[in-house]
Amino acid sequence: MQIEKIQKNFRMLSMTDFQEFKQAATESIESNMEYLLFGQFSDKANLIEMLTEFTFMLGDTKTDHYGLFEDRKLLGHVAIRQGQGPLGVEIYGWVRKGFHSKGIGELGLNTASAWAFHHKGFNNAMLVTNQQNLPSRAVAEKSGFKPAYITKSSSSPNAQTFVVFYKYSPKIEDLSRRYKVSPLDMMNSPATMYGSTYYLLRSESLLEIYRWPLPPFAEEYSEVHE
């Protein structure tokens, strides 16, 4: 999917973006129920409830919230927070109604993961999506995320099933090739933090501590990307 050639700006959200965020969120609930059907962003919420939720969202020191804008129009929202382990982040977000299948989701994920890798030095980015949400899964794979395991929302028979994806930084991809170690087995290892400690990736005892504990990804669903 080609991204339309229009000027887009990826930046951190601020309180001055409330009105535009409110408009984009409320009109996109139906097409983004996984991400927007929470808190006070619903078509039944009043202005004060939405403002309170937005203020709380931006005040969360553990999560950075970004917007992908075309001029002043919010096309998508991307959030970045601490992932599984100190060397990874989790990315989640949504695309405004009417802008799906235009490369916006792919652009947002690629921009967010590049920020995490090149500006913050993280090793990996995690993305979680519903197993049955094939369009979101396709966007994840096109953006370089690879499925790692399946998890459920609870132990209930009606629990939702999710696929957890990881994308690795260029450094981790390079170290994986150089030391012939799976990115999953090294992404949380402190040996990847500095050039002077890379040689420890040859240590079987250290690798065993951080080795990925789950079997290779497998599911009954067919391949997502065609």
Foldseek 3Di string as FASTA:
>chain_A
DAADPADKDKDFDDLVLQVLCLVQLAQCCVVPVVPRVDFQNYPPHDPVRSSVVVVVVCPPPQKTKMFIDRVSHTFKIKIWGCDDAPQEIEIDIDGGPPCPPNCPLLVVVLVVVCCCCVVVNHFKYKYKDFPPPLSVVQSCVVNQWDWFEKDWPDPDPPTTIMTMTMHGHPLLVVLCVVQVNDSQLPRNQPLSVDPVSSVCVNPPVSSVVRGDPDDGDDDPDDDSHD
